[in-house]
Amino acid sequence: MAEPVISLQGVHKVFNLGMPNETEVLHGIDLRLMRGEFCAVMGPSGSGKSTLLNIVGLLDRPTSGSLRIEAEETGALDERALTRLRGHKIGFIFQYHNLLGGFTALENVMMPMLGASGFIREDMPLRAAALLDSVGLARWRDSMVTQLSGGQQQRVAIARSLAMDPLLLLADEPTGNLDTKAADAVFELLRKANRERGMAILFVTHNPALAGRCDRIIQVVDGMIRP
């Protein structure tokens, strides 16, 4: 049987541990995501969705419980090892695209590759250009990202998230600031990447129509996954 891309078992997250304002946000999360799955994550504001994504994305550590990525237990890894694993295995797309405004679309897409190698290789601009072409932005590759529309900026963010050919893509409300047409286009680009590259995707959304087009819906309520 194939190993899941991610496996969480009994994951709890407590903020301000041991202090008067201690708050437990996640209460024993169990979750498995297989290669090629496209799963929506839904739940009311404050339910723990973003905290869950931060833990899965190795941006934060669980207070207790186990998180495995391709069977590798992450709990004992130091920060350097976590950074390397995150950089090579996980792509991120956020509601606010987090692009670097002083750079072109092409340069933004190159950033993960540059961060991983520490220097510019000859193939990086070619790969970045191909990724921008795949999201329909070949004409705008040399444009400053501040000159692009919101939908175009989110397309650049998608291309950037694919730069390292990740195993797992985490999308935290990537269509939340877009109109219906642009949101649909962004969703279809994610679905295309999911099908063609076989990557697993966790797609946080408040849009039930988009969630209904995913393979599975994970409901997070009060820090727990609802059966």
C-alpha atoms as a PDB file:
ATOM      1  CA  MET A   1       0.000   0.000   0.000  1.00  0.00           C
ATOM      2  CA  ALA A   2       1.342   3.454  -0.897  1.00  0.00           C
ATOM      3  CA  GLU A   3       2.581   5.701   1.886  1.00  0.00           C
ATOM      4  CA  PRO A   4       0.522   8.868   2.446  1.00  0.00           C
ATOM      5  CA  VAL A   5       2.137  12.159   1.485  1.00  0.00           C
ATOM      6  CA  ILE A   6       1.310  13.482   4.939  1.00  0.00           C
ATOM      7  CA  SER A   7       0.105  11.709   8.037  1.00  0.00           C
ATOM      8  CA  LEU A   8      -0.949  13.446  11.234  1.00  0.00           C
ATOM      9  CA  GLN A   9      -1.753  11.443  14.333  1.00  0.00           C
ATOM     10  CA  GLY A  10      -3.049  12.937  17.564  1.00  0.00           C
ATOM     11  CA  VAL A  11      -1.815  16.436  16.731  1.00  0.00           C
ATOM     12  CA  HIS A  12      -2.497  19.087  19.374  1.00  0.00           C
ATOM     13  CA  LYS A  13      -1.463  22.720  19.219  1.00  0.00           C
ATOM     14  CA  VAL A  14      -1.407  24.901  22.319  1.00  0.00           C
ATOM     15  CA  PHE A  15      -0.413  28.558  22.279  1.00  0.00           C
ATOM     16  CA  ASN A  16       1.054  30.295  25.362  1.00  0.00           C
ATOM     17  CA  LEU A  17       1.627  26.946  27.036  1.00  0.00           C
ATOM     18  CA  GLY A  18       1.723  27.220  30.828  1.00  0.00           C
ATOM     19  CA  MET A  19       0.566  30.836  30.865  1.00  0.00           C
ATOM     20  CA  PRO A  20      -2.759  32.253  32.112  1.00  0.00           C
ATOM     21  CA  ASN A  21      -3.860  32.849  28.512  1.00  0.00           C
ATOM     22  CA  GLU A  22      -3.007  29.293  27.370  1.00  0.00           C
ATOM     23  CA  THR A  23      -5.195  28.341  24.422  1.00  0.00           C
ATOM     24  CA  GLU A  24      -5.500  24.952  22.744  1.00  0.00           C
ATOM     25  CA  VAL A  25      -6.342  25.454  19.074  1.00  0.00           C
ATOM     26  CA  LEU A  26      -6.055  21.907  17.682  1.00  0.00           C
ATOM     27  CA  HIS A  27      -7.446  18.972  19.642  1.00  0.00           C
ATOM     28  CA  GLY A  28      -6.040  15.655  18.466  1.00  0.00           C
ATOM     29  CA  ILE A  29      -6.046  15.941  14.677  1.00  0.00           C
ATOM     30  CA  ASP A  30      -5.754  12.700  12.669  1.00  0.00           C
ATOM     31  CA  LEU A  31      -5.331  13.201   8.925  1.00  0.00           C
ATOM     32  CA  ARG A  32      -3.888  11.309   5.961  1.00  0.00           C
ATOM     33  CA  LEU A  33      -3.442  12.738   2.489  1.00  0.00           C
ATOM     34  CA  MET A  34      -2.435  10.492  -0.396  1.00  0.00           C
ATOM     35  CA  ARG A  35      -0.454  11.390  -3.512  1.00  0.00           C
ATOM     36  CA  GLY A  36      -2.674  13.039  -6.107  1.00  0.00           C
ATOM     37  CA  GLU A  37      -5.501  13.908  -3.703  1.00  0.00           C
ATOM     38  CA  PHE A  38      -7.064  17.359  -4.021  1.00  0.00           C
ATOM     39  CA  CYS A  39      -8.789  18.103  -0.715  1.00  0.00           C
ATOM     40  CA  ALA A  40     -10.736  21.159   0.338  1.00  0.00           C
ATOM     41  CA  VAL A  41     -10.377  22.330   3.938  1.00  0.00           C
ATOM     42  CA  MET A  42     -13.436  24.166   5.224  1.00  0.00           C
ATOM     43  CA  GLY A  43     -14.592  25.574   8.519  1.00  0.00           C
ATOM     44  CA  PRO A  44     -15.623  28.821  10.199  1.00  0.00           C
ATOM     45  CA  SER A  45     -13.117  31.562  10.956  1.00  0.00           C
ATOM     46  CA  GLY A  46     -11.098  30.694  14.045  1.00  0.00           C
ATOM     47  CA  SER A  47     -11.682  26.957  13.664  1.00  0.00           C
ATOM     48  CA  GLY A  48      -7.970  26.149  13.346  1.00  0.00           C
ATOM     49  CA  LYS A  49      -7.622  25.799   9.563  1.00  0.00           C
ATOM     50  CA  SER A  50      -4.622  28.112   9.204  1.00  0.00           C
ATOM     51  CA  THR A  51      -2.938  26.619  12.269  1.00  0.00           C
ATOM     52  CA  LEU A  52      -3.370  23.182  10.753  1.00  0.00           C
ATOM     53  CA  LEU A  53      -1.851  24.341   7.457  1.00  0.00           C
ATOM     54  CA  ASN A  54       1.077  25.975   9.259  1.00  0.00           C
ATOM     55  CA  ILE A  55       1.850  22.699  11.009  1.00  0.00           C
ATOM     56  CA  VAL A  56       1.502  20.605   7.852  1.00  0.00           C
ATOM     57  CA  GLY A  57       3.709  23.146   6.048  1.00  0.00           C
ATOM     58  CA  LEU A  58       6.398  22.907   8.758  1.00  0.00           C
ATOM     59  CA  LEU A  59       6.008  26.601   9.560  1.00  0.00           C
ATOM     60  CA  ASP A  60       5.038  25.679  13.126  1.00  0.00           C
ATOM     61  CA  ARG A  61       5.450  22.622  15.321  1.00  0.00           C
ATOM     62  CA  PRO A  62       2.665  20.701  17.039  1.00  0.00           C
ATOM     63  CA  THR A  63       2.639  20.765  20.820  1.00  0.00           C
ATOM     64  CA  SER A  64       2.142  17.014  20.774  1.00  0.00           C
ATOM     65  CA  GLY A  65       1.357  14.285  18.283  1.00  0.00           C
ATOM     66  CA  SER A  66       3.056  13.019  15.144  1.00  0.00           C
ATOM     67  CA  LEU A  67       3.521  14.562  11.704  1.00  0.00           C
ATOM     68  CA  ARG A  68       5.070  12.439   8.972  1.00  0.00           C
ATOM     69  CA  ILE A  69       5.902  13.550   5.453  1.00  0.00           C
ATOM     70  CA  GLU A  70       6.416  10.561   3.175  1.00  0.00           C
ATOM     71  CA  ALA A  71       6.911   8.382   6.263  1.00  0.00           C
ATOM     72  CA  GLU A  72       9.602  10.713   7.666  1.00  0.00           C
ATOM     73  CA  GLU A  73       8.825  11.709  11.237  1.00  0.00           C
ATOM     74  CA  THR A  74       9.383  15.464  11.478  1.00  0.00           C
ATOM     75  CA  GLY A  75       9.277  15.868  15.253  1.00  0.00           C
ATOM     76  CA  ALA A  76      12.979  15.237  15.802  1.00  0.00           C
ATOM     77  CA  LEU A  77      14.221  17.382  12.893  1.00  0.00           C
ATOM     78  CA  ASP A  78      16.076  20.589  13.689  1.00  0.00           C
ATOM     79  CA  GLU A  79      15.175  23.911  12.068  1.00  0.00           C
ATOM     80  CA  ARG A  80      17.725  23.534   9.283  1.00  0.00           C
ATOM     81  CA  ALA A  81      16.380  20.113   8.322  1.00  0.00           C
ATOM     82  CA  LEU A  82      12.792  21.373   8.481  1.00  0.00           C
ATOM     83  CA  THR A  83      13.672  24.310   6.227  1.00  0.00           C
ATOM     84  CA  ARG A  84      15.283  22.002   3.694  1.00  0.00           C
ATOM     85  CA  LEU A  85      12.341  19.566   3.752  1.00  0.00           C
ATOM     86  CA  ARG A  86       9.856  22.419   3.405  1.00  0.00           C
ATOM     87  CA  GLY A  87      11.792  24.005   0.539  1.00  0.00           C
ATOM     88  CA  HIS A  88      12.003  20.799  -1.477  1.00  0.00           C
ATOM     89  CA  LYS A  89       8.714  19.054  -0.712  1.00  0.00           C
ATOM     90  CA  ILE A  90       6.083  21.738  -0.067  1.00  0.00           C
ATOM     91  CA  GLY A  91       4.701  24.596  -2.142  1.00  0.00           C
ATOM     92  CA  PHE A  92       2.639  27.450  -0.711  1.00  0.00           C
ATOM     93  CA  ILE A  93      -0.032  29.779  -2.093  1.00  0.00           C
ATOM     94  CA  PHE A  94      -1.665  32.344   0.176  1.00  0.00           C
ATOM     95  CA  GLN A  95      -4.720  34.603   0.014  1.00  0.00           C
ATOM     96  CA  TYR A  96      -2.334  37.540  -0.243  1.00  0.00           C
ATOM     97  CA  HIS A  97       0.106  36.346  -2.888  1.00  0.00           C
ATOM     98  CA  ASN A  98       3.221  37.532  -0.962  1.00  0.00           C
ATOM     99  CA  LEU A  99       5.088  38.342  -4.150  1.00  0.00           C
ATOM    100  CA  LEU A 100       8.152  40.594  -4.020  1.00  0.00           C
ATOM    101  CA  GLY A 101       7.044  43.915  -5.464  1.00  0.00           C
ATOM    102  CA  GLY A 102      10.479  45.050  -6.562  1.00  0.00           C
ATOM    103  CA  PHE A 103      10.909  42.110  -8.941  1.00  0.00           C
ATOM    104  CA  THR A 104       9.445  40.846 -12.191  1.00  0.00           C
ATOM    105  CA  ALA A 105       7.115  37.881 -12.524  1.00  0.00           C
ATOM    106  CA  LEU A 106      10.018  35.778 -13.808  1.00  0.00           C
ATOM    107  CA  GLU A 107      12.267  36.757 -10.904  1.00  0.00           C
ATOM    108  CA  ASN A 108       9.542  35.967  -8.365  1.00  0.00           C
ATOM    109  CA  VAL A 109       9.096  32.472  -9.787  1.00  0.00           C
ATOM    110  CA  MET A 110      12.856  31.920  -9.647  1.00  0.00           C
ATOM    111  CA  MET A 111      13.076  32.769  -5.922  1.00  0.00           C
ATOM    112  CA  PRO A 112      12.439  29.245  -4.518  1.00  0.00           C
ATOM    113  CA  MET A 113      15.037  27.785  -6.887  1.00  0.00           C
ATOM    114  CA  LEU A 114      17.553  30.458  -5.928  1.00  0.00           C
ATOM    115  CA  GLY A 115      16.857  29.876  -2.242  1.00  0.00           C
ATOM    116  CA  ALA A 116      17.462  26.151  -2.606  1.00  0.00           C
ATOM    117  CA  SER A 117      20.740  26.411  -4.531  1.00  0.00           C
ATOM    118  CA  GLY A 118      22.155  29.690  -3.262  1.00  0.00           C
ATOM    119  CA  PHE A 119      23.123  30.861  -6.747  1.00  0.00           C
ATOM    120  CA  ILE A 120      21.539  31.361 -10.161  1.00  0.00           C
ATOM    121  CA  ARG A 121      21.863  28.427 -12.551  1.00  0.00           C
ATOM    122  CA  GLU A 122      21.411  28.741 -16.298  1.00  0.00           C
ATOM    123  CA  ASP A 123      18.280  26.592 -16.274  1.00  0.00           C
ATOM    124  CA  MET A 124      16.411  28.684 -13.679  1.00  0.00           C
ATOM    125  CA  PRO A 125      15.117  31.428 -16.014  1.00  0.00           C
ATOM    126  CA  LEU A 126      14.068  28.772 -18.529  1.00  0.00           C
ATOM    127  CA  ARG A 127      12.132  26.810 -15.927  1.00  0.00           C
ATOM    128  CA  ALA A 128      10.537  29.951 -14.519  1.00  0.00           C
ATOM    129  CA  ALA A 129       9.505  31.052 -18.020  1.00  0.00           C
ATOM    130  CA  ALA A 130       7.979  27.624 -18.716  1.00  0.00           C
ATOM    131  CA  LEU A 131       5.993  27.776 -15.476  1.00  0.00           C
ATOM    132  CA  LEU A 132       4.684  31.243 -16.290  1.00  0.00           C
ATOM    133  CA  ASP A 133       3.699  29.968 -19.728  1.00  0.00           C
ATOM    134  CA  SER A 134       1.818  27.091 -18.074  1.00  0.00           C
ATOM    135  CA  VAL A 135      -0.338  29.577 -16.138  1.00  0.00           C
ATOM    136  CA  GLY A 136      -0.925  31.795 -19.173  1.00  0.00           C
ATOM    137  CA  LEU A 137       1.510  34.582 -18.330  1.00  0.00           C
ATOM    138  CA  ALA A 138       4.234  34.185 -20.944  1.00  0.00           C
ATOM    139  CA  ARG A 139       3.615  37.733 -22.197  1.00  0.00           C
ATOM    140  CA  TRP A 140       4.019  39.217 -18.729  1.00  0.00           C
ATOM    141  CA  ARG A 141       7.131  37.407 -17.534  1.00  0.00           C
ATOM    142  CA  ASP A 142       9.250  40.580 -17.586  1.00  0.00           C
ATOM    143  CA  SER A 143       6.538  42.766 -16.029  1.00  0.00           C
ATOM    144  CA  MET A 144       6.908  44.013 -12.479  1.00  0.00           C
ATOM    145  CA  VAL A 145       4.371  42.133 -10.387  1.00  0.00           C
ATOM    146  CA  THR A 146       2.938  45.433  -9.126  1.00  0.00           C
ATOM    147  CA  GLN A 147       1.785  46.098 -12.695  1.00  0.00           C
ATOM    148  CA  LEU A 148      -0.319  42.919 -12.830  1.00  0.00           C
ATOM    149  CA  SER A 149      -3.952  42.409 -11.861  1.00  0.00           C
ATOM    150  CA  GLY A 150      -4.927  40.489  -8.747  1.00  0.00           C
ATOM    151  CA  GLY A 151      -5.741  37.383 -10.777  1.00  0.00           C
ATOM    152  CA  GLN A 152      -2.454  37.614 -12.659  1.00  0.00           C
ATOM    153  CA  GLN A 153      -0.518  38.033  -9.422  1.00  0.00           C
ATOM    154  CA  GLN A 154      -2.137  34.891  -8.047  1.00  0.00           C
ATOM    155  CA  ARG A 155      -1.137  33.059 -11.237  1.00  0.00           C
ATOM    156  CA  VAL A 156       2.459  34.141 -10.614  1.00  0.00           C
ATOM    157  CA  ALA A 157       2.109  32.793  -7.069  1.00  0.00           C
ATOM    158  CA  ILE A 158       0.933  29.448  -8.472  1.00  0.00           C
ATOM    159  CA  ALA A 159       3.889  29.301 -10.856  1.00  0.00           C
ATOM    160  CA  ARG A 160       6.229  30.125  -7.961  1.00  0.00           C
ATOM    161  CA  SER A 161       4.697  27.391  -5.809  1.00  0.00           C
ATOM    162  CA  LEU A 162       5.502  24.837  -8.538  1.00  0.00           C
ATOM    163  CA  ALA A 163       9.122  25.922  -8.986  1.00  0.00           C
ATOM    164  CA  MET A 164      10.556  23.070  -6.898  1.00  0.00           C
ATOM    165  CA  ASP A 165       8.055  20.505  -8.233  1.00  0.00           C
ATOM    166  CA  PRO A 166       6.704  19.906  -4.710  1.00  0.00           C
ATOM    167  CA  LEU A 167       5.111  16.757  -3.416  1.00  0.00           C
ATOM    168  CA  LEU A 168       2.476  18.763  -1.538  1.00  0.00           C
ATOM    169  CA  LEU A 169       0.832  22.104  -2.279  1.00  0.00           C
ATOM    170  CA  LEU A 170      -0.832  24.116   0.491  1.00  0.00           C
ATOM    171  CA  ALA A 171      -3.267  26.772  -0.715  1.00  0.00           C
ATOM    172  CA  ASP A 172      -4.664  29.025   2.023  1.00  0.00           C
ATOM    173  CA  GLU A 173      -7.734  30.763   0.555  1.00  0.00           C
ATOM    174  CA  PRO A 174      -5.944  31.603  -2.722  1.00  0.00           C
ATOM    175  CA  THR A 175      -9.203  32.714  -4.359  1.00  0.00           C
ATOM    176  CA  GLY A 176     -10.512  34.731  -1.404  1.00  0.00           C
ATOM    177  CA  ASN A 177      -9.683  38.143  -2.890  1.00  0.00           C
ATOM    178  CA  LEU A 178     -10.639  37.347  -6.485  1.00  0.00           C
ATOM    179  CA  ASP A 179     -13.831  37.815  -8.455  1.00  0.00           C
ATOM    180  CA  THR A 180     -15.763  34.743  -9.574  1.00  0.00           C
ATOM    181  CA  LYS A 181     -14.129  34.481 -13.000  1.00  0.00           C
ATOM    182  CA  ALA A 182     -10.572  34.884 -11.688  1.00  0.00           C
ATOM    183  CA  ALA A 183     -11.258  32.494  -8.781  1.00  0.00           C
ATOM    184  CA  ASP A 184     -12.500  29.834 -11.195  1.00  0.00           C
ATOM    185  CA  ALA A 185      -9.406  30.269 -13.380  1.00  0.00           C
ATOM    186  CA  VAL A 186      -7.061  29.943 -10.390  1.00  0.00           C
ATOM    187  CA  PHE A 187      -8.889  26.824  -9.200  1.00  0.00           C
ATOM    188  CA  GLU A 188      -8.614  25.220 -12.634  1.00  0.00           C
ATOM    189  CA  LEU A 189      -4.869  25.912 -12.714  1.00  0.00           C
ATOM    190  CA  LEU A 190      -4.496  24.177  -9.362  1.00  0.00           C
ATOM    191  CA  ARG A 191      -6.575  21.245 -10.571  1.00  0.00           C
ATOM    192  CA  LYS A 192      -4.433  21.018 -13.708  1.00  0.00           C
ATOM    193  CA  ALA A 193      -1.231  20.942 -11.630  1.00  0.00           C
ATOM    194  CA  ASN A 194      -2.772  18.308  -9.385  1.00  0.00           C
ATOM    195  CA  ARG A 195      -3.673  16.032 -12.295  1.00  0.00           C
ATOM    196  CA  GLU A 196      -0.595  16.519 -14.448  1.00  0.00           C
ATOM    197  CA  ARG A 197       2.019  16.475 -11.689  1.00  0.00           C
ATOM    198  CA  GLY A 198       0.340  14.079  -9.259  1.00  0.00           C
ATOM    199  CA  MET A 199       0.882  16.420  -6.324  1.00  0.00           C
ATOM    200  CA  ALA A 200      -1.368  16.413  -3.291  1.00  0.00           C
ATOM    201  CA  ILE A 201      -3.192  19.661  -2.543  1.00  0.00           C
ATOM    202  CA  LEU A 202      -4.835  21.028   0.595  1.00  0.00           C
ATOM    203  CA  PHE A 203      -7.083  23.880  -0.528  1.00  0.00           C
ATOM    204  CA  VAL A 204      -8.520  26.073   2.236  1.00  0.00           C
ATOM    205  CA  THR A 205     -11.658  27.827   1.064  1.00  0.00           C
ATOM    206  CA  HIS A 206     -14.959  29.317   2.226  1.00  0.00           C
ATOM    207  CA  ASN A 207     -16.431  28.766  -1.220  1.00  0.00           C
ATOM    208  CA  PRO A 208     -18.710  25.691  -1.182  1.00  0.00           C
ATOM    209  CA  ALA A 209     -18.944  25.609  -4.988  1.00  0.00           C
ATOM    210  CA  LEU A 210     -15.173  25.277  -5.342  1.00  0.00           C
ATOM    211  CA  ALA A 211     -14.954  22.842  -2.421  1.00  0.00           C
ATOM    212  CA  GLY A 212     -17.525  20.652  -4.132  1.00  0.00           C
ATOM    213  CA  ARG A 213     -15.192  20.261  -7.116  1.00  0.00           C
ATOM    214  CA  CYS A 214     -12.430  18.793  -4.938  1.00  0.00           C
ATOM    215  CA  ASP A 215     -11.924  15.063  -4.303  1.00  0.00           C
ATOM    216  CA  ARG A 216     -12.743  15.335  -0.612  1.00  0.00           C
ATOM    217  CA  ILE A 217     -13.836  17.973   1.900  1.00  0.00           C
ATOM    218  CA  ILE A 218     -12.159  18.125   5.317  1.00  0.00           C
ATOM    219  CA  GLN A 219     -14.349  20.000   7.792  1.00  0.00           C
ATOM    220  CA  VAL A 220     -12.453  21.660  10.662  1.00  0.00           C
ATOM    221  CA  VAL A 221     -14.686  22.801  13.517  1.00  0.00           C
ATOM    222  CA  ASP A 222     -13.433  23.993  16.924  1.00  0.00           C
ATOM    223  CA  GLY A 223      -9.980  22.579  16.308  1.00  0.00           C
ATOM    224  CA  MET A 224     -11.195  19.104  15.366  1.00  0.00           C
ATOM    225  CA  ILE A 225     -11.926  17.336  12.097  1.00  0.00           C
ATOM    226  CA  ARG A 226     -15.626  16.619  11.825  1.00  0.00           C
ATOM    227  CA  PRO A 227     -16.353  13.072  10.589  1.00  0.00           C
END
